[in-house]
C-alpha atoms as a PDB file:
ATOM      1  CA  UNK A   1      87.475 105.579  69.123  1.00  0.00           C
ATOM      2  CA  UNK A   2      87.550 102.624  71.541  1.00  0.00           C
ATOM      3  CA  UNK A   3      90.532 101.249  69.615  1.00  0.00           C
ATOM      4  CA  UNK A   4      92.532 104.191  70.959  1.00  0.00           C
ATOM      5  CA  UNK A   5      92.163 103.072  74.572  1.00  0.00           C
ATOM      6  CA  UNK A   6      95.373 102.487  76.525  1.00  0.00           C
ATOM      7  CA  UNK A   7      95.800 100.829  79.924  1.00  0.00           C
ATOM      8  CA  UNK A   8      99.277 101.788  81.091  1.00  0.00           C
ATOM      9  CA  UNK A   9      99.264  99.668  84.277  1.00  0.00           C
ATOM     10  CA  UNK A  10      97.535  96.281  84.538  1.00  0.00           C
ATOM     11  CA  UNK A  11      98.385  93.035  86.367  1.00  0.00           C
ATOM     12  CA  UNK A  12      97.374  90.130  84.128  1.00  0.00           C
ATOM     13  CA  UNK A  13      98.990  87.495  86.345  1.00  0.00           C
ATOM     14  CA  UNK A  14      96.819  88.417  89.340  1.00  0.00           C
ATOM     15  CA  UNK A  15      93.664  87.187  87.603  1.00  0.00           C
ATOM     16  CA  UNK A  16      92.733  83.520  87.854  1.00  0.00           C
ATOM     17  CA  UNK A  17      91.272  83.714  84.334  1.00  0.00           C
ATOM     18  CA  UNK A  18      94.383  85.345  82.874  1.00  0.00           C
ATOM     19  CA  UNK A  19      94.226  83.287  79.665  1.00  0.00           C
ATOM     20  CA  UNK A  20      90.692  84.513  79.009  1.00  0.00           C
ATOM     21  CA  UNK A  21      91.676  88.123  79.679  1.00  0.00           C
ATOM     22  CA  UNK A  22      94.736  87.830  77.441  1.00  0.00           C
ATOM     23  CA  UNK A  23      92.414  86.902  74.576  1.00  0.00           C
ATOM     24  CA  UNK A  24      89.906  89.601  75.533  1.00  0.00           C
ATOM     25  CA  UNK A  25      92.454  92.419  75.566  1.00  0.00           C
ATOM     26  CA  UNK A  26      93.660  91.455  72.109  1.00  0.00           C
ATOM     27  CA  UNK A  27      90.136  91.118  70.741  1.00  0.00           C
ATOM     28  CA  UNK A  28      89.209  94.556  72.124  1.00  0.00           C
ATOM     29  CA  UNK A  29      92.395  95.979  70.570  1.00  0.00           C
ATOM     30  CA  UNK A  30      93.215  97.879  73.752  1.00  0.00           C
ATOM     31  CA  UNK A  31      96.864  98.740  74.230  1.00  0.00           C
ATOM     32  CA  UNK A  32      97.767  97.245  77.617  1.00  0.00           C
ATOM     33  CA  UNK A  33     101.033  97.334  79.521  1.00  0.00           C
ATOM     34  CA  UNK A  34     101.109  94.398  81.959  1.00  0.00           C
ATOM     35  CA  UNK A  35     103.177  94.945  85.085  1.00  0.00           C
ATOM     36  CA  UNK A  36     105.020  92.171  86.911  1.00  0.00           C
ATOM     37  CA  UNK A  37     106.262  92.218  90.501  1.00  0.00           C
ATOM     38  CA  UNK A  38     109.410  90.136  90.158  1.00  0.00           C
ATOM     39  CA  UNK A  39     111.850  88.785  87.561  1.00  0.00           C
ATOM     40  CA  UNK A  40     110.379  85.298  88.020  1.00  0.00           C
ATOM     41  CA  UNK A  41     106.843  86.434  87.266  1.00  0.00           C
ATOM     42  CA  UNK A  42     108.052  88.386  84.235  1.00  0.00           C
ATOM     43  CA  UNK A  43     109.834  85.341  82.880  1.00  0.00           C
ATOM     44  CA  UNK A  44     106.793  83.122  83.477  1.00  0.00           C
ATOM     45  CA  UNK A  45     104.486  85.576  81.702  1.00  0.00           C
ATOM     46  CA  UNK A  46     106.793  85.851  78.711  1.00  0.00           C
ATOM     47  CA  UNK A  47     107.023  82.073  78.446  1.00  0.00           C
ATOM     48  CA  UNK A  48     103.267  81.629  78.772  1.00  0.00           C
ATOM     49  CA  UNK A  49     102.086  84.422  76.495  1.00  0.00           C
ATOM     50  CA  UNK A  50     103.321  85.899  73.256  1.00  0.00           C
ATOM     51  CA  UNK A  51     103.490  89.676  73.235  1.00  0.00           C
ATOM     52  CA  UNK A  52     101.199  91.232  70.640  1.00  0.00           C
ATOM     53  CA  UNK A  53     100.498  94.633  69.147  1.00  0.00           C
ATOM     54  CA  UNK A  54      98.114  95.276  72.027  1.00  0.00           C
ATOM     55  CA  UNK A  55      99.677  93.523  75.014  1.00  0.00           C
ATOM     56  CA  UNK A  56     103.199  93.950  76.371  1.00  0.00           C
ATOM     57  CA  UNK A  57     104.915  92.854  79.589  1.00  0.00           C
ATOM     58  CA  UNK A  58     107.060  95.001  81.877  1.00  0.00           C
ATOM     59  CA  UNK A  59     109.900  93.654  84.021  1.00  0.00           C
ATOM     60  CA  UNK A  60     109.226  94.398  87.686  1.00  0.00           C
ATOM     61  CA  UNK A  61     110.873  94.516  91.086  1.00  0.00           C
ATOM     62  CA  UNK A  62     108.091  95.582  93.440  1.00  0.00           C
ATOM     63  CA  UNK A  63     109.081  97.056  96.834  1.00  0.00           C
ATOM     64  CA  UNK A  64     106.091  95.363  98.497  1.00  0.00           C
ATOM     65  CA  UNK A  65     107.367  91.939  97.475  1.00  0.00           C
ATOM     66  CA  UNK A  66     109.246  91.202 100.700  1.00  0.00           C
ATOM     67  CA  UNK A  67     110.457  87.839  99.401  1.00  0.00           C
ATOM     68  CA  UNK A  68     112.762  89.477  96.864  1.00  0.00           C
ATOM     69  CA  UNK A  69     116.504  89.501  97.564  1.00  0.00           C
ATOM     70  CA  UNK A  70     119.776  90.798  96.130  1.00  0.00           C
ATOM     71  CA  UNK A  71     120.009  87.546  94.201  1.00  0.00           C
ATOM     72  CA  UNK A  72     116.615  88.280  92.639  1.00  0.00           C
ATOM     73  CA  UNK A  73     117.891  91.724  91.696  1.00  0.00           C
ATOM     74  CA  UNK A  74     120.755  89.991  89.950  1.00  0.00           C
ATOM     75  CA  UNK A  75     118.135  88.095  87.937  1.00  0.00           C
ATOM     76  CA  UNK A  76     116.410  91.412  87.213  1.00  0.00           C
ATOM     77  CA  UNK A  77     119.644  92.812  85.810  1.00  0.00           C
ATOM     78  CA  UNK A  78     120.150  89.732  83.638  1.00  0.00           C
ATOM     79  CA  UNK A  79     116.661  90.092  82.157  1.00  0.00           C
ATOM     80  CA  UNK A  80     116.857  93.876  81.866  1.00  0.00           C
ATOM     81  CA  UNK A  81     118.488  94.011  78.394  1.00  0.00           C
ATOM     82  CA  UNK A  82     115.597  92.066  76.814  1.00  0.00           C
ATOM     83  CA  UNK A  83     112.850  94.098  78.522  1.00  0.00           C
ATOM     84  CA  UNK A  84     111.546  97.159  76.687  1.00  0.00           C
ATOM     85  CA  UNK A  85     109.349  98.239  79.621  1.00  0.00           C
ATOM     86  CA  UNK A  86     110.169  98.309  83.347  1.00  0.00           C
ATOM     87  CA  UNK A  87     107.543  98.050  86.091  1.00  0.00           C
ATOM     88  CA  UNK A  88     106.290  97.788  88.646  1.00  0.00           C
ATOM     89  CA  UNK A  89     109.247  99.220  90.536  1.00  0.00           C
ATOM     90  CA  UNK A  90     109.626 101.905  93.165  1.00  0.00           C
ATOM     91  CA  UNK A  91     109.865 102.716  96.866  1.00  0.00           C
ATOM     92  CA  UNK A  92     107.466 101.984  99.728  1.00  0.00           C
ATOM     93  CA  UNK A  93     108.353 102.940 103.305  1.00  0.00           C
ATOM     94  CA  UNK A  94     104.790 102.758 104.627  1.00  0.00           C
ATOM     95  CA  UNK A  95     104.438  99.061 105.367  1.00  0.00           C
ATOM     96  CA  UNK A  96     106.326  96.445 107.347  1.00  0.00           C
ATOM     97  CA  UNK A  97     105.697  93.867 104.623  1.00  0.00           C
ATOM     98  CA  UNK A  98     108.050  95.566 102.190  1.00  0.00           C
ATOM     99  CA  UNK A  99     111.689  95.014 101.290  1.00  0.00           C
ATOM    100  CA  UNK A 100     114.107  96.577 103.729  1.00  0.00           C
ATOM    101  CA  UNK A 101     114.757 100.267 103.130  1.00  0.00           C
ATOM    102  CA  UNK A 102     118.411  99.955 102.139  1.00  0.00           C
ATOM    103  CA  UNK A 103     117.710  97.305  99.502  1.00  0.00           C
ATOM    104  CA  UNK A 104     114.812  99.316  98.133  1.00  0.00           C
ATOM    105  CA  UNK A 105     116.913 102.445  97.748  1.00  0.00           C
ATOM    106  CA  UNK A 106     119.814 100.578  96.160  1.00  0.00           C
ATOM    107  CA  UNK A 107     117.641  98.735  93.639  1.00  0.00           C
ATOM    108  CA  UNK A 108     115.477 101.723  92.736  1.00  0.00           C
ATOM    109  CA  UNK A 109     118.465 103.974  92.134  1.00  0.00           C
ATOM    110  CA  UNK A 110     120.125 101.355  89.936  1.00  0.00           C
ATOM    111  CA  UNK A 111     116.887 100.880  87.970  1.00  0.00           C
ATOM    112  CA  UNK A 112     116.329 104.609  87.463  1.00  0.00           C
ATOM    113  CA  UNK A 113     119.964 105.102  86.463  1.00  0.00           C
ATOM    114  CA  UNK A 114     119.799 102.334  83.862  1.00  0.00           C
ATOM    115  CA  UNK A 115     116.404 103.400  82.493  1.00  0.00           C
ATOM    116  CA  UNK A 116     117.589 106.996  82.138  1.00  0.00           C
ATOM    117  CA  UNK A 117     120.720 105.862  80.309  1.00  0.00           C
ATOM    118  CA  UNK A 118     118.865 103.433  78.034  1.00  0.00           C
ATOM    119  CA  UNK A 119     115.744 105.598  77.643  1.00  0.00           C
ATOM    120  CA  UNK A 120     113.368 102.863  78.838  1.00  0.00           C
ATOM    121  CA  UNK A 121     109.824 103.425  80.056  1.00  0.00           C
ATOM    122  CA  UNK A 122     109.297 102.691  83.759  1.00  0.00           C
ATOM    123  CA  UNK A 123     106.167 102.598  85.926  1.00  0.00           C
ATOM    124  CA  UNK A 124     106.888 103.707  89.486  1.00  0.00           C
ATOM    125  CA  UNK A 125     105.139 102.887  92.772  1.00  0.00           C
ATOM    126  CA  UNK A 126     105.683 105.476  95.537  1.00  0.00           C
ATOM    127  CA  UNK A 127     104.288 105.298  99.078  1.00  0.00           C
ATOM    128  CA  UNK A 128     105.629 107.406 101.966  1.00  0.00           C
ATOM    129  CA  UNK A 129     108.879 107.680 100.014  1.00  0.00           C
ATOM    130  CA  UNK A 130     108.387 110.681  97.765  1.00  0.00           C
ATOM    131  CA  UNK A 131     111.326 112.723  99.088  1.00  0.00           C
ATOM    132  CA  UNK A 132     113.807 109.915  98.507  1.00  0.00           C
ATOM    133  CA  UNK A 133     112.351 109.074  95.099  1.00  0.00           C
ATOM    134  CA  UNK A 134     112.394 112.703  93.967  1.00  0.00           C
ATOM    135  CA  UNK A 135     116.067 112.994  94.922  1.00  0.00           C
ATOM    136  CA  UNK A 136     116.913 109.946  92.784  1.00  0.00           C
ATOM    137  CA  UNK A 137     114.737 111.037  89.868  1.00  0.00           C
ATOM    138  CA  UNK A 138     116.210 114.547  89.945  1.00  0.00           C
ATOM    139  CA  UNK A 139     119.700 113.056  89.801  1.00  0.00           C
ATOM    140  CA  UNK A 140     119.165 110.865  86.732  1.00  0.00           C
ATOM    141  CA  UNK A 141     116.178 112.554  85.023  1.00  0.00           C
ATOM    142  CA  UNK A 142     114.633 109.593  83.158  1.00  0.00           C
ATOM    143  CA  UNK A 143     112.568 110.782  80.176  1.00  0.00           C
ATOM    144  CA  UNK A 144     109.957 108.026  80.357  1.00  0.00           C
ATOM    145  CA  UNK A 145     108.959 107.868  84.016  1.00  0.00           C
ATOM    146  CA  UNK A 146     105.300 107.184  84.867  1.00  0.00           C
ATOM    147  CA  UNK A 147     104.185 107.731  88.460  1.00  0.00           C
ATOM    148  CA  UNK A 148     101.518 105.101  89.116  1.00  0.00           C
ATOM    149  CA  UNK A 149      98.601 105.943  91.470  1.00  0.00           C
ATOM    150  CA  UNK A 150     100.183 109.066  93.009  1.00  0.00           C
ATOM    151  CA  UNK A 151      99.264 109.587  96.698  1.00  0.00           C
ATOM    152  CA  UNK A 152     101.760 112.234  97.806  1.00  0.00           C
ATOM    153  CA  UNK A 153     101.414 115.901  98.702  1.00  0.00           C
ATOM    154  CA  UNK A 154     100.880 118.908  96.393  1.00  0.00           C
ATOM    155  CA  UNK A 155     104.533 119.884  96.799  1.00  0.00           C
ATOM    156  CA  UNK A 156     105.657 116.364  95.847  1.00  0.00           C
ATOM    157  CA  UNK A 157     103.362 116.479  92.840  1.00  0.00           C
ATOM    158  CA  UNK A 158     104.827 119.763  91.639  1.00  0.00           C
ATOM    159  CA  UNK A 159     108.393 118.503  92.010  1.00  0.00           C
ATOM    160  CA  UNK A 160     107.579 115.377  89.996  1.00  0.00           C
ATOM    161  CA  UNK A 161     105.902 117.534  87.334  1.00  0.00           C
ATOM    162  CA  UNK A 162     109.010 119.738  87.202  1.00  0.00           C
ATOM    163  CA  UNK A 163     111.178 116.633  86.699  1.00  0.00           C
ATOM    164  CA  UNK A 164     109.001 115.744  83.695  1.00  0.00           C
ATOM    165  CA  UNK A 165     107.167 112.699  85.031  1.00  0.00           C
ATOM    166  CA  UNK A 166     103.936 111.349  83.612  1.00  0.00           C
ATOM    167  CA  UNK A 167     101.067 110.251  85.866  1.00  0.00           C
ATOM    168  CA  UNK A 168      98.747 107.285  85.332  1.00  0.00           C
ATOM    169  CA  UNK A 169      95.278 107.827  86.827  1.00  0.00           C
ATOM    170  CA  UNK A 170      92.645 105.246  87.767  1.00  0.00           C
ATOM    171  CA  UNK A 171      89.027 105.284  88.967  1.00  0.00           C
ATOM    172  CA  UNK A 172      89.864 104.772  92.630  1.00  0.00           C
ATOM    173  CA  UNK A 173      91.851 107.995  92.594  1.00  0.00           C
ATOM    174  CA  UNK A 174      88.594 109.863  91.941  1.00  0.00           C
ATOM    175  CA  UNK A 175      86.941 108.726  95.188  1.00  0.00           C
ATOM    176  CA  UNK A 176      88.752 111.248  97.400  1.00  0.00           C
ATOM    177  CA  UNK A 177      87.795 114.837  96.586  1.00  0.00           C
ATOM    178  CA  UNK A 178      90.897 116.341  98.204  1.00  0.00           C
ATOM    179  CA  UNK A 179      93.198 114.120  96.190  1.00  0.00           C
ATOM    180  CA  UNK A 180      91.099 114.600  93.075  1.00  0.00           C
ATOM    181  CA  UNK A 181      91.385 118.384  93.260  1.00  0.00           C
ATOM    182  CA  UNK A 182      95.161 117.988  93.414  1.00  0.00           C
ATOM    183  CA  UNK A 183      95.193 115.781  90.315  1.00  0.00           C
ATOM    184  CA  UNK A 184      93.558 118.542  88.289  1.00  0.00           C
ATOM    185  CA  UNK A 185      96.893 120.369  88.497  1.00  0.00           C
ATOM    186  CA  UNK A 186      98.649 117.720  86.408  1.00  0.00           C
ATOM    187  CA  UNK A 187      99.309 119.126  82.917  1.00  0.00           C
ATOM    188  CA  UNK A 188      97.079 117.474  80.303  1.00  0.00           C
ATOM    189  CA  UNK A 189     100.146 116.416  78.296  1.00  0.00           C
ATOM    190  CA  UNK A 190     101.403 114.353  81.263  1.00  0.00           C
ATOM    191  CA  UNK A 191      98.244 112.322  81.958  1.00  0.00           C
ATOM    192  CA  UNK A 192      97.897 108.621  81.206  1.00  0.00           C
ATOM    193  CA  UNK A 193      95.149 106.176  82.191  1.00  0.00           C
ATOM    194  CA  UNK A 194      95.604 102.947  84.106  1.00  0.00           C
ATOM    195  CA  UNK A 195      93.267 100.349  85.518  1.00  0.00           C
ATOM    196  CA  UNK A 196      95.669  98.790  88.039  1.00  0.00           C
ATOM    197  CA  UNK A 197      93.402  95.777  87.675  1.00  0.00           C
ATOM    198  CA  UNK A 198      92.549  93.756  89.661  1.00  0.00           C
ATOM    199  CA  UNK A 199      93.223  96.214  92.509  1.00  0.00           C
ATOM    200  CA  UNK A 200      90.548  98.740  91.510  1.00  0.00           C
ATOM    201  CA  UNK A 201      86.791  98.735  91.069  1.00  0.00           C
ATOM    202  CA  UNK A 202      84.496 100.342  88.534  1.00  0.00           C
ATOM    203  CA  UNK A 203      80.975 100.991  89.805  1.00  0.00           C
ATOM    204  CA  UNK A 204      81.616  98.564  92.662  1.00  0.00           C
ATOM    205  CA  UNK A 205      82.881  95.730  90.439  1.00  0.00           C
ATOM    206  CA  UNK A 206      86.446  94.436  90.156  1.00  0.00           C
ATOM    207  CA  UNK A 207      88.051  95.816  87.039  1.00  0.00           C
ATOM    208  CA  UNK A 208      87.969  93.771  83.860  1.00  0.00           C
ATOM    209  CA  UNK A 209      89.315  94.985  80.493  1.00  0.00           C
ATOM    210  CA  UNK A 210      85.865  95.564  78.979  1.00  0.00           C
ATOM    211  CA  UNK A 211      85.433  98.295  81.646  1.00  0.00           C
ATOM    212  CA  UNK A 212      88.345 100.417  80.433  1.00  0.00           C
ATOM    213  CA  UNK A 213      86.132 102.817  78.493  1.00  0.00           C
ATOM    214  CA  UNK A 214      84.151 103.429  81.704  1.00  0.00           C
ATOM    215  CA  UNK A 215      87.398 104.340  83.452  1.00  0.00           C
ATOM    216  CA  UNK A 216      88.121 106.916  80.762  1.00  0.00           C
ATOM    217  CA  UNK A 217      84.611 108.367  80.987  1.00  0.00           C
ATOM    218  CA  UNK A 218      84.787 108.738  84.772  1.00  0.00           C
ATOM    219  CA  UNK A 219      88.176 110.445  84.735  1.00  0.00           C
ATOM    220  CA  UNK A 220      87.233 112.610  81.726  1.00  0.00           C
ATOM    221  CA  UNK A 221      84.219 113.845  83.677  1.00  0.00           C
ATOM    222  CA  UNK A 222      86.259 114.603  86.793  1.00  0.00           C
ATOM    223  CA  UNK A 223      88.947 116.436  84.797  1.00  0.00           C
ATOM    224  CA  UNK A 224      86.422 118.154  82.489  1.00  0.00           C
ATOM    225  CA  UNK A 225      88.339 116.819  79.500  1.00  0.00           C
ATOM    226  CA  UNK A 226      86.022 115.723  76.687  1.00  0.00           C
ATOM    227  CA  UNK A 227      89.017 114.758  74.553  1.00  0.00           C
ATOM    228  CA  UNK A 228      90.736 112.602  77.179  1.00  0.00           C
ATOM    229  CA  UNK A 229      90.950 109.514  74.938  1.00  0.00           C
ATOM    230  CA  UNK A 230      92.785 111.490  72.266  1.00  0.00           C
ATOM    231  CA  UNK A 231      95.027 113.275  74.758  1.00  0.00           C
ATOM    232  CA  UNK A 232      96.071 110.045  76.489  1.00  0.00           C
ATOM    233  CA  UNK A 233      96.705 108.350  73.164  1.00  0.00           C
ATOM    234  CA  UNK A 234      98.979 111.189  72.057  1.00  0.00           C
ATOM    235  CA  UNK A 235     100.733 111.294  75.449  1.00  0.00           C
ATOM    236  CA  UNK A 236     101.458 107.572  75.332  1.00  0.00           C
ATOM    237  CA  UNK A 237     102.654 107.848  71.740  1.00  0.00           C
ATOM    238  CA  UNK A 238     104.972 110.661  72.813  1.00  0.00           C
ATOM    239  CA  UNK A 239     106.407 108.785  75.800  1.00  0.00           C
ATOM    240  CA  UNK A 240     107.194 105.815  73.564  1.00  0.00           C
ATOM    241  CA  UNK A 241     109.117 107.950  71.073  1.00  0.00           C
ATOM    242  CA  UNK A 242     110.717 110.657  73.241  1.00  0.00           C
ATOM    243  CA  UNK A 243     114.520 110.754  73.145  1.00  0.00           C
ATOM    244  CA  UNK A 244     116.737 110.850  76.205  1.00  0.00           C
END
């Protein structure tokens, strides 16, 4: 059963021992989608590591990466045709260390538009920007949109569910009972599991791939879903094959 485990949002390049973890993920046979935060990082990862059955890289343009520019977005667009997965992308209006609002909105809308047209999977970061993101997502209706680490309101959650979004859940999301009770309203056929390593902890320890089964067990307990591994596997299989 452990061979069915899927980590839909992981940052390999943020680990100092990334070469060791690359080998570990493949040896564990855990399907892992590695996010990047910029076109340059994506290109470096692809040059350094061969994609395998179990490990893939996503092309990112992270709103918290304040060093990114319109020129970098041009690089993103050049790399876009070769990228099967897109992430981490999104909107973040809650921090001064983010890209300026206008650039964020322009880039995110262009990314969502292209992913909807080309039916590409995208992993989306949203912070204090749910209204704007929902408006864009409602306009283009991408079929393979995953909301990563959702922190919005119940009304935002329902609107994103109505649009057809998937939601990737991690252990840290279980630490707040109010937020956790809201997550129980996500339909079981829209739930995916992420680690968001190295930005999360499992039992007080920084996430490492051998902990992924513990993440599943914790979330399965909180959601009262004894078949979570199977459900997530089928959901991920569906999102990979769904047509636009």
